[in-house]
Amino acid sequence: MTPMLNEPLSGALHELLAARSLRERNRELALALVAAGNRGESNHLTRPWTGTTTPQALPEGLRLTAHSVIADHDAVALRATARTEGAAWSLIAELRFDAAGRIEQCHHLLVPDSTAAAPPAR
């Protein structure tokens, strides 16, 4: 018997594939924010350095490295390291995207990384 697209399994499969593509899209959007921060563009992930009321320039040499990105429906959890020449931080961010891929909410926690190696003496 050949399955038809109007059978219940087809609907469940469609929902599964749609949810997967939404998770993948939101995961890619979070990684795009990391890449934008590395290009020196201010965004939700760089707000701890740029401020929200009076935007400032990003610190020279700020580099974000994503270590894990977990997406579930419209929410994404990101764990990253942020480094400048003399300091490092652990960054945890929770992002929530709307249906169009715009950020609805962003909460982040920034913790100084005391295990970061000191910059080399000049």
Foldseek 3Di string as FASTA:
>chain_A
DDDDCPDPVNVVVVVVVVQVVQQVLLQVLVVVVQVCVQVFHDDPQQCVQQPDPHGDGHPPAWHKAWDDWGGGRQKIWTWIWIDHQAWIWIKIKIFGADPVGHTPDIDMDIGTDPPDDGHDDD
